[in-house]
PDB file of N, CA and C in Angstrom:
ATOM      1  N   MET A   1      12.364   5.831  -3.491  1.00  0.00           N
ATOM      2  CA  MET A   1      13.230   4.733  -3.097  1.00  0.00           C
ATOM      3  C   MET A   1      13.748   4.087  -4.366  1.00  0.00           C
ATOM      4  N   GLU A   2      15.019   4.134  -4.563  1.00  0.00           N
ATOM      5  CA  GLU A   2      15.641   3.556  -5.761  1.00  0.00           C
ATOM      6  C   GLU A   2      15.681   2.044  -5.695  1.00  0.00           C
ATOM      7  N   ASP A   3      16.133   1.517  -4.595  1.00  0.00           N
ATOM      8  CA  ASP A   3      16.287   0.074  -4.473  1.00  0.00           C
ATOM      9  C   ASP A   3      15.991  -0.358  -3.053  1.00  0.00           C
ATOM     10  N   GLY A   4      15.388  -1.510  -2.949  1.00  0.00           N
ATOM     11  CA  GLY A   4      15.181  -2.127  -1.647  1.00  0.00           C
ATOM     12  C   GLY A   4      15.941  -3.444  -1.632  1.00  0.00           C
ATOM     13  N   PRO A   5      16.286  -3.950  -0.452  1.00  0.00           N
ATOM     14  CA  PRO A   5      17.057  -5.182  -0.386  1.00  0.00           C
ATOM     15  C   PRO A   5      16.263  -6.429  -0.795  1.00  0.00           C
ATOM     16  N   VAL A   6      14.946  -6.354  -0.823  1.00  0.00           N
ATOM     17  CA  VAL A   6      14.140  -7.508  -1.215  1.00  0.00           C
ATOM     18  C   VAL A   6      13.535  -7.296  -2.597  1.00  0.00           C
ATOM     19  N   LEU A   7      12.908  -6.158  -2.795  1.00  0.00           N
ATOM     20  CA  LEU A   7      12.295  -5.823  -4.082  1.00  0.00           C
ATOM     21  C   LEU A   7      13.021  -4.610  -4.639  1.00  0.00           C
ATOM     22  N   SER A   8      13.725  -4.799  -5.737  1.00  0.00           N
ATOM     23  CA  SER A   8      14.512  -3.713  -6.321  1.00  0.00           C
ATOM     24  C   SER A   8      13.759  -3.083  -7.491  1.00  0.00           C
ATOM     25  N   THR A   9      14.181  -1.887  -7.873  1.00  0.00           N
ATOM     26  CA  THR A   9      13.580  -1.253  -9.049  1.00  0.00           C
ATOM     27  C   THR A   9      13.905  -2.061 -10.298  1.00  0.00           C
ATOM     28  N   GLY A  10      15.077  -2.695 -10.325  1.00  0.00           N
ATOM     29  CA  GLY A  10      15.424  -3.551 -11.466  1.00  0.00           C
ATOM     30  C   GLY A  10      14.446  -4.710 -11.616  1.00  0.00           C
ATOM     31  N   ARG A  11      14.067  -5.312 -10.509  1.00  0.00           N
ATOM     32  CA  ARG A  11      13.100  -6.411 -10.556  1.00  0.00           C
ATOM     33  C   ARG A  11      11.728  -5.903 -11.004  1.00  0.00           C
ATOM     34  N   LEU A  12      11.333  -4.729 -10.512  1.00  0.00           N
ATOM     35  CA  LEU A  12      10.066  -4.141 -10.959  1.00  0.00           C
ATOM     36  C   LEU A  12      10.084  -3.862 -12.455  1.00  0.00           C
ATOM     37  N   GLN A  13      11.201  -3.339 -12.942  1.00  0.00           N
ATOM     38  CA  GLN A  13      11.320  -3.063 -14.376  1.00  0.00           C
ATOM     39  C   GLN A  13      11.251  -4.356 -15.180  1.00  0.00           C
ATOM     40  N   TYR A  14      11.828  -5.423 -14.675  1.00  0.00           N
ATOM     41  CA  TYR A  14      11.747  -6.725 -15.333  1.00  0.00           C
ATOM     42  C   TYR A  14      10.285  -7.194 -15.423  1.00  0.00           C
ATOM     43  N   PHE A  15       9.553  -7.063 -14.323  1.00  0.00           N
ATOM     44  CA  PHE A  15       8.134  -7.449 -14.329  1.00  0.00           C
ATOM     45  C   PHE A  15       7.337  -6.601 -15.316  1.00  0.00           C
ATOM     46  N   GLN A  16       7.636  -5.299 -15.367  1.00  0.00           N
ATOM     47  CA  GLN A  16       6.944  -4.426 -16.311  1.00  0.00           C
ATOM     48  C   GLN A  16       7.256  -4.810 -17.747  1.00  0.00           C
ATOM     49  N   LYS A  17       8.481  -5.192 -18.019  1.00  0.00           N
ATOM     50  CA  LYS A  17       8.862  -5.625 -19.368  1.00  0.00           C
ATOM     51  C   LYS A  17       8.072  -6.868 -19.768  1.00  0.00           C
ATOM     52  N   LEU A  18       7.894  -7.782 -18.828  1.00  0.00           N
ATOM     53  CA  LEU A  18       7.102  -8.985 -19.117  1.00  0.00           C
ATOM     54  C   LEU A  18       5.629  -8.659 -19.309  1.00  0.00           C
ATOM     55  N   LEU A  19       5.104  -7.779 -18.475  1.00  0.00           N
ATOM     56  CA  LEU A  19       3.677  -7.442 -18.494  1.00  0.00           C
ATOM     57  C   LEU A  19       3.318  -6.523 -19.659  1.00  0.00           C
ATOM     58  N   LYS A  20       4.228  -5.628 -20.021  1.00  0.00           N
ATOM     59  CA  LYS A  20       3.964  -4.601 -21.043  1.00  0.00           C
ATOM     60  C   LYS A  20       2.673  -3.835 -20.723  1.00  0.00           C
ATOM     61  N   PRO A  21       2.624  -3.205 -19.548  1.00  0.00           N
ATOM     62  CA  PRO A  21       1.381  -2.561 -19.118  1.00  0.00           C
ATOM     63  C   PRO A  21       1.052  -1.293 -19.901  1.00  0.00           C
ATOM     64  N   ASP A  22      -0.213  -0.988 -19.963  1.00  0.00           N
ATOM     65  CA  ASP A  22      -0.677   0.278 -20.502  1.00  0.00           C
ATOM     66  C   ASP A  22      -0.482   1.317 -19.399  1.00  0.00           C
ATOM     67  N   PRO A  23       0.387   2.304 -19.585  1.00  0.00           N
ATOM     68  CA  PRO A  23       0.670   3.256 -18.506  1.00  0.00           C
ATOM     69  C   PRO A  23      -0.527   4.105 -18.103  1.00  0.00           C
ATOM     70  N   ASP A  24      -1.569   4.123 -18.924  1.00  0.00           N
ATOM     71  CA  ASP A  24      -2.767   4.897 -18.600  1.00  0.00           C
ATOM     72  C   ASP A  24      -3.859   4.050 -17.966  1.00  0.00           C
ATOM     73  N   SER A  25      -3.556   2.805 -17.647  1.00  0.00           N
ATOM     74  CA  SER A  25      -4.563   1.892 -17.111  1.00  0.00           C
ATOM     75  C   SER A  25      -4.652   1.966 -15.593  1.00  0.00           C
ATOM     76  N   PRO A  26      -5.865   2.061 -15.045  1.00  0.00           N
ATOM     77  CA  PRO A  26      -6.020   2.014 -13.595  1.00  0.00           C
ATOM     78  C   PRO A  26      -5.688   0.634 -13.020  1.00  0.00           C
ATOM     79  N   TYR A  27      -5.551  -0.373 -13.879  1.00  0.00           N
ATOM     80  CA  TYR A  27      -5.093  -1.674 -13.392  1.00  0.00           C
ATOM     81  C   TYR A  27      -3.623  -1.620 -12.991  1.00  0.00           C
ATOM     82  N   ILE A  28      -2.904  -0.655 -13.522  1.00  0.00           N
ATOM     83  CA  ILE A  28      -1.502  -0.467 -13.180  1.00  0.00           C
ATOM     84  C   ILE A  28      -1.367   0.466 -11.979  1.00  0.00           C
ATOM     85  N   SER A  29      -2.198   1.492 -11.909  1.00  0.00           N
ATOM     86  CA  SER A  29      -2.183   2.401 -10.759  1.00  0.00           C
ATOM     87  C   SER A  29      -3.601   2.856 -10.448  1.00  0.00           C
ATOM     88  N   PRO A  30      -4.082   2.563  -9.243  1.00  0.00           N
ATOM     89  CA  PRO A  30      -5.419   3.024  -8.868  1.00  0.00           C
ATOM     90  C   PRO A  30      -5.504   4.541  -8.789  1.00  0.00           C
ATOM     91  N   LEU A  31      -4.364   5.228  -8.773  1.00  0.00           N
ATOM     92  CA  LEU A  31      -4.385   6.689  -8.789  1.00  0.00           C
ATOM     93  C   LEU A  31      -5.010   7.230 -10.073  1.00  0.00           C
ATOM     94  N   LEU A  32      -5.094   6.404 -11.100  1.00  0.00           N
ATOM     95  CA  LEU A  32      -5.661   6.827 -12.377  1.00  0.00           C
ATOM     96  C   LEU A  32      -7.184   6.707 -12.423  1.00  0.00           C
ATOM     97  N   LEU A  33      -7.776   6.113 -11.394  1.00  0.00           N
ATOM     98  CA  LEU A  33      -9.234   6.011 -11.349  1.00  0.00           C
ATOM     99  C   LEU A  33      -9.830   7.393 -11.092  1.00  0.00           C
ATOM    100  N   PRO A  34     -11.032   7.637 -11.594  1.00  0.00           N
ATOM    101  CA  PRO A  34     -11.663   8.946 -11.364  1.00  0.00           C
ATOM    102  C   PRO A  34     -11.952   9.178  -9.878  1.00  0.00           C
ATOM    103  N   ASP A  35     -11.824  10.421  -9.450  1.00  0.00           N
ATOM    104  CA  ASP A  35     -12.114  10.765  -8.060  1.00  0.00           C
ATOM    105  C   ASP A  35     -13.528  10.353  -7.669  1.00  0.00           C
ATOM    106  N   SER A  36     -14.471  10.456  -8.594  1.00  0.00           N
ATOM    107  CA  SER A  36     -15.860  10.091  -8.287  1.00  0.00           C
ATOM    108  C   SER A  36     -15.977   8.623  -7.891  1.00  0.00           C
ATOM    109  N   PHE A  37     -15.135   7.775  -8.464  1.00  0.00           N
ATOM    110  CA  PHE A  37     -15.113   6.358  -8.095  1.00  0.00           C
ATOM    111  C   PHE A  37     -14.385   6.172  -6.762  1.00  0.00           C
ATOM    112  N   LEU A  38     -13.210   6.771  -6.640  1.00  0.00           N
ATOM    113  CA  LEU A  38     -12.400   6.607  -5.439  1.00  0.00           C
ATOM    114  C   LEU A  38     -13.118   7.099  -4.188  1.00  0.00           C
ATOM    115  N   ALA A  39     -13.877   8.169  -4.311  1.00  0.00           N
ATOM    116  CA  ALA A  39     -14.573   8.741  -3.157  1.00  0.00           C
ATOM    117  C   ALA A  39     -15.626   7.802  -2.580  1.00  0.00           C
ATOM    118  N   ARG A  40     -16.037   6.807  -3.341  1.00  0.00           N
ATOM    119  CA  ARG A  40     -17.054   5.854  -2.871  1.00  0.00           C
ATOM    120  C   ARG A  40     -16.436   4.592  -2.266  1.00  0.00           C
ATOM    121  N   LEU A  41     -15.115   4.506  -2.224  1.00  0.00           N
ATOM    122  CA  LEU A  41     -14.468   3.316  -1.672  1.00  0.00           C
ATOM    123  C   LEU A  41     -14.730   3.205  -0.175  1.00  0.00           C
ATOM    124  N   PRO A  42     -14.734   1.985   0.335  1.00  0.00           N
ATOM    125  CA  PRO A  42     -14.869   1.803   1.786  1.00  0.00           C
ATOM    126  C   PRO A  42     -13.563   2.169   2.489  1.00  0.00           C
ATOM    127  N   SER A  43     -13.574   2.094   3.786  1.00  0.00           N
ATOM    128  CA  SER A  43     -12.369   2.355   4.575  1.00  0.00           C
ATOM    129  C   SER A  43     -11.223   1.463   4.101  1.00  0.00           C
ATOM    130  N   ILE A  44     -10.018   2.014   4.143  1.00  0.00           N
ATOM    131  CA  ILE A  44      -8.842   1.276   3.673  1.00  0.00           C
ATOM    132  C   ILE A  44      -7.694   1.496   4.656  1.00  0.00           C
ATOM    133  N   ALA A  45      -7.000   0.409   5.001  1.00  0.00           N
ATOM    134  CA  ALA A  45      -5.815   0.479   5.855  1.00  0.00           C
ATOM    135  C   ALA A  45      -4.581   0.222   5.000  1.00  0.00           C
ATOM    136  N   PHE A  46      -3.569   1.044   5.191  1.00  0.00           N
ATOM    137  CA  PHE A  46      -2.316   0.931   4.446  1.00  0.00           C
ATOM    138  C   PHE A  46      -1.187   0.603   5.415  1.00  0.00           C
ATOM    139  N   GLN A  47      -0.348  -0.338   5.027  1.00  0.00           N
ATOM    140  CA  GLN A  47       0.901  -0.594   5.720  1.00  0.00           C
ATOM    141  C   GLN A  47       1.992  -0.497   4.664  1.00  0.00           C
ATOM    142  N   VAL A  48       2.833   0.502   4.808  1.00  0.00           N
ATOM    143  CA  VAL A  48       3.817   0.839   3.784  1.00  0.00           C
ATOM    144  C   VAL A  48       5.222   0.669   4.345  1.00  0.00           C
ATOM    145  N   CYS A  49       6.057  -0.012   3.589  1.00  0.00           N
ATOM    146  CA  CYS A  49       7.458  -0.208   3.995  1.00  0.00           C
ATOM    147  C   CYS A  49       8.313   0.943   3.473  1.00  0.00           C
ATOM    148  N   GLY A  50       9.151   1.485   4.336  1.00  0.00           N
ATOM    149  CA  GLY A  50       9.982   2.624   3.967  1.00  0.00           C
ATOM    150  C   GLY A  50      11.050   2.321   2.936  1.00  0.00           C
ATOM    151  N   MET A  51      11.533   1.077   2.898  1.00  0.00           N
ATOM    152  CA  MET A  51      12.573   0.703   1.930  1.00  0.00           C
ATOM    153  C   MET A  51      11.972  -0.136   0.812  1.00  0.00           C
ATOM    154  N   ASP A  52      10.851   0.302   0.299  1.00  0.00           N
ATOM    155  CA  ASP A  52      10.131  -0.436  -0.734  1.00  0.00           C
ATOM    156  C   ASP A  52      10.015   0.465  -1.962  1.00  0.00           C
ATOM    157  N   PRO A  53      10.419   0.004  -3.136  1.00  0.00           N
ATOM    158  CA  PRO A  53      10.335   0.869  -4.313  1.00  0.00           C
ATOM    159  C   PRO A  53       8.907   1.229  -4.708  1.00  0.00           C
ATOM    160  N   VAL A  54       7.900   0.569  -4.159  1.00  0.00           N
ATOM    161  CA  VAL A  54       6.511   0.956  -4.440  1.00  0.00           C
ATOM    162  C   VAL A  54       5.926   1.786  -3.294  1.00  0.00           C
ATOM    163  N   ARG A  55       6.779   2.172  -2.359  1.00  0.00           N
ATOM    164  CA  ARG A  55       6.356   2.961  -1.191  1.00  0.00           C
ATOM    165  C   ARG A  55       5.587   4.221  -1.574  1.00  0.00           C
ATOM    166  N   ASP A  56       6.138   5.001  -2.481  1.00  0.00           N
ATOM    167  CA  ASP A  56       5.535   6.292  -2.800  1.00  0.00           C
ATOM    168  C   ASP A  56       4.137   6.145  -3.392  1.00  0.00           C
ATOM    169  N   GLY A  57       3.917   5.093  -4.168  1.00  0.00           N
ATOM    170  CA  GLY A  57       2.583   4.856  -4.710  1.00  0.00           C
ATOM    171  C   GLY A  57       1.562   4.632  -3.606  1.00  0.00           C
ATOM    172  N   GLY A  58       1.947   3.874  -2.592  1.00  0.00           N
ATOM    173  CA  GLY A  58       1.046   3.644  -1.458  1.00  0.00           C
ATOM    174  C   GLY A  58       0.770   4.920  -0.687  1.00  0.00           C
ATOM    175  N   LEU A  59       1.817   5.713  -0.472  1.00  0.00           N
ATOM    176  CA  LEU A  59       1.640   6.970   0.257  1.00  0.00           C
ATOM    177  C   LEU A  59       0.762   7.946  -0.514  1.00  0.00           C
ATOM    178  N   LEU A  60       0.982   8.044  -1.819  1.00  0.00           N
ATOM    179  CA  LEU A  60       0.171   8.946  -2.646  1.00  0.00           C
ATOM    180  C   LEU A  60      -1.294   8.501  -2.700  1.00  0.00           C
ATOM    181  N   PHE A  61      -1.505   7.195  -2.788  1.00  0.00           N
ATOM    182  CA  PHE A  61      -2.879   6.682  -2.850  1.00  0.00           C
ATOM    183  C   PHE A  61      -3.608   6.953  -1.533  1.00  0.00           C
ATOM    184  N   GLU A  62      -2.944   6.724  -0.413  1.00  0.00           N
ATOM    185  CA  GLU A  62      -3.567   7.009   0.882  1.00  0.00           C
ATOM    186  C   GLU A  62      -3.904   8.483   0.998  1.00  0.00           C
ATOM    187  N   GLU A  63      -2.974   9.351   0.599  1.00  0.00           N
ATOM    188  CA  GLU A  63      -3.203  10.790   0.682  1.00  0.00           C
ATOM    189  C   GLU A  63      -4.394  11.211  -0.182  1.00  0.00           C
ATOM    190  N   LYS A  64      -4.459  10.670  -1.389  1.00  0.00           N
ATOM    191  CA  LYS A  64      -5.563  11.017  -2.280  1.00  0.00           C
ATOM    192  C   LYS A  64      -6.899  10.581  -1.683  1.00  0.00           C
ATOM    193  N   LEU A  65      -6.961   9.365  -1.163  1.00  0.00           N
ATOM    194  CA  LEU A  65      -8.213   8.883  -0.576  1.00  0.00           C
ATOM    195  C   LEU A  65      -8.603   9.714   0.636  1.00  0.00           C
ATOM    196  N   ARG A  66      -7.629  10.043   1.463  1.00  0.00           N
ATOM    197  CA  ARG A  66      -7.904  10.857   2.652  1.00  0.00           C
ATOM    198  C   ARG A  66      -8.497  12.209   2.241  1.00  0.00           C
ATOM    199  N   HIS A  67      -7.948  12.822   1.183  1.00  0.00           N
ATOM    200  CA  HIS A  67      -8.470  14.110   0.708  1.00  0.00           C
ATOM    201  C   HIS A  67      -9.863  13.968   0.097  1.00  0.00           C
ATOM    202  N   LEU A  68     -10.213  12.761  -0.317  1.00  0.00           N
ATOM    203  CA  LEU A  68     -11.559  12.497  -0.835  1.00  0.00           C
ATOM    204  C   LEU A  68     -12.500  12.031   0.272  1.00  0.00           C
ATOM    205  N   ASN A  69     -12.048  12.145   1.515  1.00  0.00           N
ATOM    206  CA  ASN A  69     -12.826  11.780   2.707  1.00  0.00           C
ATOM    207  C   ASN A  69     -13.120  10.292   2.838  1.00  0.00           C
ATOM    208  N   VAL A  70     -12.268   9.466   2.249  1.00  0.00           N
ATOM    209  CA  VAL A  70     -12.350   8.026   2.475  1.00  0.00           C
ATOM    210  C   VAL A  70     -11.606   7.757   3.782  1.00  0.00           C
ATOM    211  N   PRO A  71     -12.219   7.064   4.734  1.00  0.00           N
ATOM    212  CA  PRO A  71     -11.510   6.766   5.981  1.00  0.00           C
ATOM    213  C   PRO A  71     -10.293   5.874   5.715  1.00  0.00           C
ATOM    214  N   THR A  72      -9.135   6.316   6.174  1.00  0.00           N
ATOM    215  CA  THR A  72      -7.905   5.551   5.977  1.00  0.00           C
ATOM    216  C   THR A  72      -7.146   5.449   7.288  1.00  0.00           C
ATOM    217  N   ARG A  73      -6.325   4.430   7.354  1.00  0.00           N
ATOM    218  CA  ARG A  73      -5.321   4.290   8.406  1.00  0.00           C
ATOM    219  C   ARG A  73      -4.009   4.040   7.685  1.00  0.00           C
ATOM    220  N   LEU A  74      -2.959   4.644   8.197  1.00  0.00           N
ATOM    221  CA  LEU A  74      -1.653   4.510   7.556  1.00  0.00           C
ATOM    222  C   LEU A  74      -0.595   4.193   8.600  1.00  0.00           C
ATOM    223  N   GLU A  75       0.157   3.150   8.340  1.00  0.00           N
ATOM    224  CA  GLU A  75       1.320   2.799   9.160  1.00  0.00           C
ATOM    225  C   GLU A  75       2.510   2.712   8.211  1.00  0.00           C
ATOM    226  N   VAL A  76       3.560   3.458   8.510  1.00  0.00           N
ATOM    227  CA  VAL A  76       4.779   3.427   7.695  1.00  0.00           C
ATOM    228  C   VAL A  76       5.883   2.776   8.520  1.00  0.00           C
ATOM    229  N   TYR A  77       6.489   1.763   7.945  1.00  0.00           N
ATOM    230  CA  TYR A  77       7.586   1.057   8.593  1.00  0.00           C
ATOM    231  C   TYR A  77       8.901   1.588   8.013  1.00  0.00           C
ATOM    232  N   ALA A  78       9.320   2.741   8.537  1.00  0.00           N
ATOM    233  CA  ALA A  78      10.525   3.413   8.043  1.00  0.00           C
ATOM    234  C   ALA A  78      11.731   2.492   8.197  1.00  0.00           C
ATOM    235  N   GLY A  79      12.515   2.396   7.135  1.00  0.00           N
ATOM    236  CA  GLY A  79      13.736   1.609   7.171  1.00  0.00           C
ATOM    237  C   GLY A  79      13.547   0.117   6.972  1.00  0.00           C
ATOM    238  N   TRP A  80      12.316  -0.327   6.745  1.00  0.00           N
ATOM    239  CA  TRP A  80      12.051  -1.760   6.578  1.00  0.00           C
ATOM    240  C   TRP A  80      11.731  -2.063   5.126  1.00  0.00           C
ATOM    241  N   PRO A  81      12.236  -3.198   4.607  1.00  0.00           N
ATOM    242  CA  PRO A  81      12.023  -3.544   3.198  1.00  0.00           C
ATOM    243  C   PRO A  81      10.707  -4.275   2.962  1.00  0.00           C
ATOM    244  N   HIS A  82      10.342  -4.348   1.716  1.00  0.00           N
ATOM    245  CA  HIS A  82       9.191  -5.108   1.240  1.00  0.00           C
ATOM    246  C   HIS A  82       9.245  -6.528   1.820  1.00  0.00           C
ATOM    247  N   THR A  83       8.164  -6.991   2.356  1.00  0.00           N
ATOM    248  CA  THR A  83       7.971  -8.339   2.928  1.00  0.00           C
ATOM    249  C   THR A  83       8.823  -8.639   4.162  1.00  0.00           C
ATOM    250  N   PHE A  84       9.275  -7.619   4.885  1.00  0.00           N
ATOM    251  CA  PHE A  84      10.051  -7.891   6.097  1.00  0.00           C
ATOM    252  C   PHE A  84       9.262  -8.735   7.094  1.00  0.00           C
ATOM    253  N   TRP A  85       7.939  -8.622   7.050  1.00  0.00           N
ATOM    254  CA  TRP A  85       7.077  -9.324   8.009  1.00  0.00           C
ATOM    255  C   TRP A  85       7.132 -10.846   7.857  1.00  0.00           C
ATOM    256  N   ASN A  86       7.722 -11.325   6.774  1.00  0.00           N
ATOM    257  CA  ASN A  86       7.874 -12.769   6.575  1.00  0.00           C
ATOM    258  C   ASN A  86       9.032 -13.360   7.368  1.00  0.00           C
ATOM    259  N   GLN A  87       9.727 -12.537   8.116  1.00  0.00           N
ATOM    260  CA  GLN A  87      10.839 -12.992   8.957  1.00  0.00           C
ATOM    261  C   GLN A  87      10.331 -13.047  10.404  1.00  0.00           C
ATOM    262  N   PRO A  88       9.797 -14.185  10.834  1.00  0.00           N
ATOM    263  CA  PRO A  88       9.132 -14.246  12.143  1.00  0.00           C
ATOM    264  C   PRO A  88      10.046 -13.939  13.333  1.00  0.00           C
ATOM    265  N   GLU A  89      11.344 -14.043  13.155  1.00  0.00           N
ATOM    266  CA  GLU A  89      12.249 -13.775  14.264  1.00  0.00           C
ATOM    267  C   GLU A  89      12.411 -12.276  14.558  1.00  0.00           C
ATOM    268  N   LEU A  90      11.929 -11.429  13.654  1.00  0.00           N
ATOM    269  CA  LEU A  90      12.046  -9.982  13.841  1.00  0.00           C
ATOM    270  C   LEU A  90      10.921  -9.469  14.738  1.00  0.00           C
ATOM    271  N   ARG A  91      11.278  -8.689  15.739  1.00  0.00           N
ATOM    272  CA  ARG A  91      10.270  -8.090  16.623  1.00  0.00           C
ATOM    273  C   ARG A  91       9.320  -7.198  15.811  1.00  0.00           C
ATOM    274  N   LYS A  92       9.883  -6.487  14.840  1.00  0.00           N
ATOM    275  CA  LYS A  92       9.064  -5.590  14.010  1.00  0.00           C
ATOM    276  C   LYS A  92       8.046  -6.388  13.203  1.00  0.00           C
ATOM    277  N   ALA A  93       8.370  -7.619  12.829  1.00  0.00           N
ATOM    278  CA  ALA A  93       7.415  -8.470  12.101  1.00  0.00           C
ATOM    279  C   ALA A  93       6.227  -8.802  12.989  1.00  0.00           C
ATOM    280  N   ALA A  94       6.470  -9.042  14.261  1.00  0.00           N
ATOM    281  CA  ALA A  94       5.371  -9.308  15.202  1.00  0.00           C
ATOM    282  C   ALA A  94       4.500  -8.060  15.355  1.00  0.00           C
ATOM    283  N   GLU A  95       5.128  -6.885  15.405  1.00  0.00           N
ATOM    284  CA  GLU A  95       4.371  -5.627  15.469  1.00  0.00           C
ATOM    285  C   GLU A  95       3.507  -5.464  14.222  1.00  0.00           C
ATOM    286  N   TYR A  96       4.086  -5.760  13.063  1.00  0.00           N
ATOM    287  CA  TYR A  96       3.351  -5.676  11.804  1.00  0.00           C
ATOM    288  C   TYR A  96       2.129  -6.588  11.842  1.00  0.00           C
ATOM    289  N   ARG A  97       2.318  -7.837  12.258  1.00  0.00           N
ATOM    290  CA  ARG A  97       1.199  -8.782  12.278  1.00  0.00           C
ATOM    291  C   ARG A  97       0.101  -8.319  13.227  1.00  0.00           C
ATOM    292  N   GLN A  98       0.475  -7.761  14.381  1.00  0.00           N
ATOM    293  CA  GLN A  98      -0.533  -7.249  15.310  1.00  0.00           C
ATOM    294  C   GLN A  98      -1.261  -6.056  14.708  1.00  0.00           C
ATOM    295  N   LYS A  99      -0.534  -5.173  14.054  1.00  0.00           N
ATOM    296  CA  LYS A  99      -1.155  -4.006  13.415  1.00  0.00           C
ATOM    297  C   LYS A  99      -2.099  -4.460  12.304  1.00  0.00           C
ATOM    298  N   PHE A 100      -1.715  -5.505  11.577  1.00  0.00           N
ATOM    299  CA  PHE A 100      -2.562  -6.064  10.532  1.00  0.00           C
ATOM    300  C   PHE A 100      -3.893  -6.540  11.132  1.00  0.00           C
ATOM    301  N   ILE A 101      -3.820  -7.224  12.251  1.00  0.00           N
ATOM    302  CA  ILE A 101      -5.035  -7.696  12.936  1.00  0.00           C
ATOM    303  C   ILE A 101      -5.868  -6.513  13.423  1.00  0.00           C
ATOM    304  N   ASP A 102      -5.210  -5.524  14.031  1.00  0.00           N
ATOM    305  CA  ASP A 102      -5.920  -4.326  14.497  1.00  0.00           C
ATOM    306  C   ASP A 102      -6.614  -3.608  13.339  1.00  0.00           C
ATOM    307  N   ASP A 103      -5.906  -3.503  12.206  1.00  0.00           N
ATOM    308  CA  ASP A 103      -6.497  -2.853  11.033  1.00  0.00           C
ATOM    309  C   ASP A 103      -7.673  -3.655  10.490  1.00  0.00           C
ATOM    310  N   ALA A 104      -7.568  -4.971  10.490  1.00  0.00           N
ATOM    311  CA  ALA A 104      -8.686  -5.804  10.025  1.00  0.00           C
ATOM    312  C   ALA A 104      -9.909  -5.586  10.912  1.00  0.00           C
ATOM    313  N   ARG A 105      -9.700  -5.519  12.215  1.00  0.00           N
ATOM    314  CA  ARG A 105     -10.832  -5.247  13.131  1.00  0.00           C
ATOM    315  C   ARG A 105     -11.442  -3.886  12.835  1.00  0.00           C
ATOM    316  N   TRP A 106     -10.583  -2.890  12.626  1.00  0.00           N
ATOM    317  CA  TRP A 106     -11.069  -1.545  12.314  1.00  0.00           C
ATOM    318  C   TRP A 106     -11.885  -1.561  11.019  1.00  0.00           C
ATOM    319  N   LEU A 107     -11.404  -2.276  10.017  1.00  0.00           N
ATOM    320  CA  LEU A 107     -12.123  -2.354   8.739  1.00  0.00           C
ATOM    321  C   LEU A 107     -13.481  -3.028   8.906  1.00  0.00           C
ATOM    322  N   PHE A 108     -13.521  -4.114   9.657  1.00  0.00           N
ATOM    323  CA  PHE A 108     -14.794  -4.817   9.859  1.00  0.00           C
ATOM    324  C   PHE A 108     -15.764  -3.987  10.692  1.00  0.00           C
ATOM    325  N   ASP A 109     -15.249  -3.156  11.586  1.00  0.00           N
ATOM    326  CA  ASP A 109     -16.105  -2.322  12.412  1.00  0.00           C
ATOM    327  C   ASP A 109     -16.493  -1.004  11.745  1.00  0.00           C
ATOM    328  N   SER A 110     -15.840  -0.672  10.628  1.00  0.00           N
ATOM    329  CA  SER A 110     -16.135   0.587   9.932  1.00  0.00           C
ATOM    330  C   SER A 110     -17.523   0.528   9.312  1.00  0.00           C
ATOM    331  N   PRO A 111     -18.273   1.612   9.430  1.00  0.00           N
ATOM    332  CA  PRO A 111     -19.612   1.611   8.824  1.00  0.00           C
ATOM    333  C   PRO A 111     -19.525   1.560   7.305  1.00  0.00           C
ATOM    334  N   ALA A 112     -20.531   0.946   6.701  1.00  0.00           N
ATOM    335  CA  ALA A 112     -20.603   0.888   5.235  1.00  0.00           C
ATOM    336  C   ALA A 112     -20.797   2.294   4.692  1.00  0.00           C
ATOM    337  N   ARG A 113     -20.231   2.530   3.521  1.00  0.00           N
ATOM    338  CA  ARG A 113     -20.368   3.842   2.875  1.00  0.00           C
ATOM    339  C   ARG A 113     -21.258   3.698   1.651  1.00  0.00           C
ATOM    340  N   ALA A 114     -22.044   4.707   1.411  1.00  0.00           N
ATOM    341  CA  ALA A 114     -22.933   4.687   0.242  1.00  0.00           C
ATOM    342  C   ALA A 114     -22.221   5.191  -0.982  1.00  0.00           C
TER     343      ALA A 114
END
């Protein structure tokens, strides 16, 4: 995703310029953490916006965790921008909020992992 109507790649690049991140740091991308660490994570729910420039990072992280047998749930809101759920008049925002609650229940009910 090159640009989203709320969060653009230009804005992300501006934030990166201010932060001056170490590109090899797992603080910048959890995908850089060792598999041995990631495999011990608890269940994780992902809600990814289709028109979000950070969309692919979320999708890749969910896929990696799933392949490491970490229980995941994934909901993709195709065609929706970053933070669309902040518009309460949108029906899709109400769906998002309900899914968020459902995912929270699933997370609390998920068994602890060693």
